N, C-alpha and C. Protein backbone atom coordinates (compact mmCIF):
# COMPACT_ATOMS: atom_id res chain seq x y z
N UNK A 1 25.79 -13.56 15.91
CA UNK A 1 26.60 -14.20 14.90
C UNK A 1 26.08 -13.87 13.50
N UNK A 2 24.77 -13.99 13.29
CA UNK A 2 24.18 -13.69 11.99
C UNK A 2 24.35 -12.22 11.64
N UNK A 3 24.39 -11.39 12.65
CA UNK A 3 24.58 -9.97 12.44
C UNK A 3 25.94 -9.70 11.79
N UNK A 4 26.98 -10.34 12.25
CA UNK A 4 28.33 -10.14 11.69
C UNK A 4 28.44 -10.71 10.29
N UNK A 5 27.82 -11.84 10.06
CA UNK A 5 27.83 -12.45 8.72
C UNK A 5 27.09 -11.54 7.75
N UNK A 6 25.98 -10.99 8.17
CA UNK A 6 25.21 -10.07 7.33
C UNK A 6 26.03 -8.83 7.00
N UNK A 7 26.73 -8.28 7.96
CA UNK A 7 27.55 -7.09 7.74
C UNK A 7 28.68 -7.39 6.76
N UNK A 8 29.32 -8.54 6.89
CA UNK A 8 30.39 -8.93 5.97
C UNK A 8 29.85 -9.09 4.55
N UNK A 9 28.71 -9.71 4.41
CA UNK A 9 28.11 -9.91 3.09
C UNK A 9 27.75 -8.57 2.46
N UNK A 10 27.17 -7.68 3.24
CA UNK A 10 26.79 -6.36 2.72
C UNK A 10 28.03 -5.59 2.29
N UNK A 11 29.08 -5.66 3.06
CA UNK A 11 30.33 -4.97 2.70
C UNK A 11 30.90 -5.55 1.41
N UNK A 12 30.91 -6.86 1.27
CA UNK A 12 31.44 -7.48 0.06
C UNK A 12 30.62 -7.13 -1.17
N UNK A 13 29.32 -6.96 -0.99
CA UNK A 13 28.45 -6.61 -2.11
C UNK A 13 28.63 -5.15 -2.49
N UNK A 14 28.81 -4.28 -1.53
CA UNK A 14 28.87 -2.85 -1.80
C UNK A 14 30.25 -2.35 -2.22
N UNK A 15 31.30 -3.07 -1.90
CA UNK A 15 32.66 -2.60 -2.22
C UNK A 15 32.85 -2.34 -3.72
N UNK A 16 32.47 -3.23 -4.62
CA UNK A 16 32.67 -2.93 -6.05
C UNK A 16 31.90 -1.70 -6.51
N UNK A 17 30.69 -1.52 -6.03
CA UNK A 17 29.90 -0.36 -6.43
C UNK A 17 30.51 0.93 -5.90
N UNK A 18 30.95 0.91 -4.67
CA UNK A 18 31.57 2.09 -4.08
C UNK A 18 32.90 2.38 -4.79
N UNK A 19 33.64 1.35 -5.11
CA UNK A 19 34.91 1.52 -5.81
C UNK A 19 34.69 2.13 -7.20
N UNK A 20 33.68 1.69 -7.95
CA UNK A 20 33.37 2.27 -9.25
C UNK A 20 32.98 3.73 -9.12
N UNK A 21 32.18 4.03 -8.11
CA UNK A 21 31.74 5.40 -7.91
C UNK A 21 32.92 6.30 -7.56
N UNK A 22 33.81 5.83 -6.69
CA UNK A 22 34.99 6.62 -6.33
C UNK A 22 35.91 6.82 -7.54
N UNK A 23 36.08 5.78 -8.34
CA UNK A 23 36.90 5.89 -9.54
C UNK A 23 36.33 6.94 -10.48
N UNK A 24 35.03 6.89 -10.71
CA UNK A 24 34.40 7.88 -11.58
C UNK A 24 34.53 9.27 -10.99
N UNK A 25 34.37 9.38 -9.70
CA UNK A 25 34.45 10.68 -9.04
C UNK A 25 35.86 11.27 -9.18
N UNK A 26 36.87 10.46 -9.05
CA UNK A 26 38.25 10.96 -9.09
C UNK A 26 38.77 11.06 -10.52
N UNK A 27 38.65 10.01 -11.28
CA UNK A 27 39.29 9.94 -12.59
C UNK A 27 38.31 10.24 -13.73
N UNK A 28 37.08 9.82 -13.60
CA UNK A 28 36.11 9.95 -14.68
C UNK A 28 35.86 11.38 -15.11
N UNK A 29 35.76 12.28 -14.17
CA UNK A 29 35.52 13.68 -14.52
C UNK A 29 36.70 14.26 -15.29
N UNK A 30 37.91 13.89 -14.89
CA UNK A 30 39.09 14.38 -15.60
C UNK A 30 39.14 13.83 -17.02
N UNK A 31 38.77 12.56 -17.19
CA UNK A 31 38.74 11.97 -18.52
C UNK A 31 37.71 12.66 -19.41
N UNK A 32 36.55 12.95 -18.85
CA UNK A 32 35.52 13.63 -19.63
C UNK A 32 35.97 15.03 -20.04
N UNK A 33 36.63 15.75 -19.14
CA UNK A 33 37.14 17.08 -19.48
C UNK A 33 38.18 17.00 -20.59
N UNK A 34 39.06 16.02 -20.51
CA UNK A 34 40.09 15.85 -21.53
C UNK A 34 39.48 15.50 -22.88
N UNK A 35 38.46 14.64 -22.89
CA UNK A 35 37.79 14.29 -24.14
C UNK A 35 37.12 15.51 -24.76
N UNK A 36 36.46 16.31 -23.95
CA UNK A 36 35.82 17.52 -24.47
C UNK A 36 36.85 18.51 -25.00
N UNK A 37 37.98 18.64 -24.29
CA UNK A 37 39.02 19.55 -24.74
C UNK A 37 39.57 19.11 -26.09
N UNK A 38 39.85 17.82 -26.23
CA UNK A 38 40.37 17.31 -27.50
C UNK A 38 39.34 17.41 -28.62
N UNK A 39 38.07 17.19 -28.29
CA UNK A 39 37.03 17.30 -29.30
C UNK A 39 36.91 18.74 -29.78
N UNK A 40 36.95 19.69 -28.86
CA UNK A 40 36.90 21.10 -29.24
C UNK A 40 38.13 21.49 -30.04
N UNK A 41 39.28 20.95 -29.70
CA UNK A 41 40.51 21.22 -30.44
C UNK A 41 40.39 20.68 -31.86
N UNK A 42 39.83 19.49 -32.00
CA UNK A 42 39.66 18.89 -33.34
C UNK A 42 38.69 19.70 -34.16
N UNK A 43 37.58 20.13 -33.54
CA UNK A 43 36.59 20.93 -34.26
C UNK A 43 37.18 22.26 -34.72
N UNK A 44 37.98 22.89 -33.89
CA UNK A 44 38.54 24.19 -34.26
C UNK A 44 39.55 24.04 -35.40
N UNK A 45 40.30 22.95 -35.45
CA UNK A 45 41.25 22.77 -36.55
C UNK A 45 40.54 22.35 -37.83
N UNK A 46 39.48 21.59 -37.74
CA UNK A 46 38.80 21.14 -38.95
C UNK A 46 37.95 22.24 -39.56
N UNK A 47 37.42 23.15 -38.77
CA UNK A 47 36.60 24.23 -39.31
C UNK A 47 37.44 25.37 -39.85
N UNK A 48 38.71 25.46 -39.47
CA UNK A 48 39.55 26.55 -39.93
C UNK A 48 40.09 26.30 -41.34
N UNK A 49 39.92 25.12 -41.89
CA UNK A 49 40.42 24.82 -43.23
C UNK A 49 39.52 25.47 -44.27
N UNK A 50 40.15 25.91 -45.34
CA UNK A 50 39.40 26.51 -46.43
C UNK A 50 38.86 25.42 -47.34
N UNK A 51 37.98 25.81 -48.21
CA UNK A 51 37.34 24.86 -49.11
C UNK A 51 38.35 24.23 -50.07
N UNK A 52 39.28 25.03 -50.58
CA UNK A 52 40.20 24.56 -51.62
C UNK A 52 41.56 24.12 -51.07
N UNK A 53 41.69 23.96 -49.76
CA UNK A 53 42.97 23.53 -49.19
C UNK A 53 43.26 22.09 -49.58
N UNK A 54 44.52 21.79 -49.69
CA UNK A 54 44.96 20.43 -49.96
C UNK A 54 45.61 19.90 -48.70
N UNK A 55 45.20 18.73 -48.29
CA UNK A 55 45.72 18.13 -47.08
C UNK A 55 46.30 16.76 -47.42
N UNK A 56 47.58 16.56 -47.10
CA UNK A 56 48.22 15.27 -47.33
C UNK A 56 48.48 14.65 -45.98
N UNK A 57 47.81 13.54 -45.71
CA UNK A 57 47.93 12.88 -44.42
C UNK A 57 49.14 11.97 -44.34
N UNK A 58 49.57 11.41 -45.45
CA UNK A 58 50.65 10.43 -45.42
C UNK A 58 51.66 10.77 -46.50
N UNK A 59 52.89 10.88 -46.11
CA UNK A 59 53.98 11.08 -47.06
C UNK A 59 54.90 9.88 -46.92
N UNK A 60 55.09 9.10 -47.97
CA UNK A 60 55.94 7.92 -47.84
C UNK A 60 57.38 8.32 -47.56
N UNK A 61 58.11 7.38 -46.99
CA UNK A 61 59.51 7.62 -46.66
C UNK A 61 60.36 7.79 -47.90
N UNK A 62 61.56 7.32 -47.84
CA UNK A 62 62.49 7.44 -48.96
C UNK A 62 61.94 6.67 -50.16
N UNK A 63 61.67 7.38 -51.23
CA UNK A 63 61.04 6.78 -52.41
C UNK A 63 62.03 5.87 -53.14
N UNK A 64 63.30 6.17 -53.08
CA UNK A 64 64.29 5.37 -53.81
C UNK A 64 64.41 3.95 -53.25
N UNK A 65 64.12 3.77 -52.00
CA UNK A 65 64.20 2.44 -51.40
C UNK A 65 63.12 1.52 -51.97
N UNK A 66 61.98 2.10 -52.32
CA UNK A 66 60.87 1.28 -52.79
C UNK A 66 61.01 0.91 -54.27
N UNK A 67 61.98 1.49 -54.96
CA UNK A 67 62.13 1.20 -56.38
C UNK A 67 61.16 2.00 -57.23
N UNK A 68 60.61 3.07 -56.70
CA UNK A 68 59.65 3.89 -57.43
C UNK A 68 60.42 4.74 -58.43
N UNK A 69 60.09 4.61 -59.72
CA UNK A 69 60.83 5.33 -60.76
C UNK A 69 60.02 6.48 -61.34
N UNK A 70 58.82 6.66 -60.92
CA UNK A 70 58.01 7.76 -61.43
C UNK A 70 56.60 7.29 -61.71
N UNK A 71 55.75 8.26 -61.91
CA UNK A 71 54.36 7.94 -62.18
C UNK A 71 53.99 8.33 -63.59
N UNK A 72 52.77 8.11 -63.94
CA UNK A 72 52.34 8.48 -65.27
C UNK A 72 51.82 9.91 -65.26
N UNK A 73 51.86 10.56 -66.40
CA UNK A 73 51.41 11.92 -66.53
C UNK A 73 49.90 11.92 -66.71
N UNK A 74 49.25 12.78 -65.96
CA UNK A 74 47.80 12.91 -66.07
C UNK A 74 47.48 14.32 -66.53
N UNK A 75 46.83 14.41 -67.68
CA UNK A 75 46.47 15.70 -68.23
C UNK A 75 45.27 16.26 -67.44
N UNK A 76 45.31 17.54 -67.18
CA UNK A 76 44.22 18.17 -66.43
C UNK A 76 43.95 19.54 -67.00
N UNK A 77 42.82 20.05 -66.67
CA UNK A 77 42.51 21.44 -67.01
C UNK A 77 41.84 22.08 -65.82
N UNK A 78 42.10 23.37 -65.62
CA UNK A 78 41.54 24.09 -64.50
C UNK A 78 40.10 24.48 -64.81
N UNK A 79 39.25 24.38 -63.82
CA UNK A 79 37.85 24.75 -63.96
C UNK A 79 37.58 25.92 -63.04
N UNK A 80 37.16 27.03 -63.57
CA UNK A 80 36.85 28.20 -62.77
C UNK A 80 35.36 28.22 -62.48
N UNK A 81 35.05 28.50 -61.23
CA UNK A 81 33.62 28.55 -60.84
C UNK A 81 33.00 29.87 -61.19
């Protein structure tokens, strides 16, 4: 009788650990590969930019809806290196 109770307890204790290991074995490796692929993709796009490139991340929608009538003029001068 104690033998069966011991086996049931051992199975209940080991099931979560075995389940985590199987999940990592099946899904975890694929997730790691995908993360590395995306990281390499990000690195390749960020290193291909030139020093003087201009990057605009956000362009607002229709400006007329916001009531935007214009900005102020900012005087500038070009600096040659």
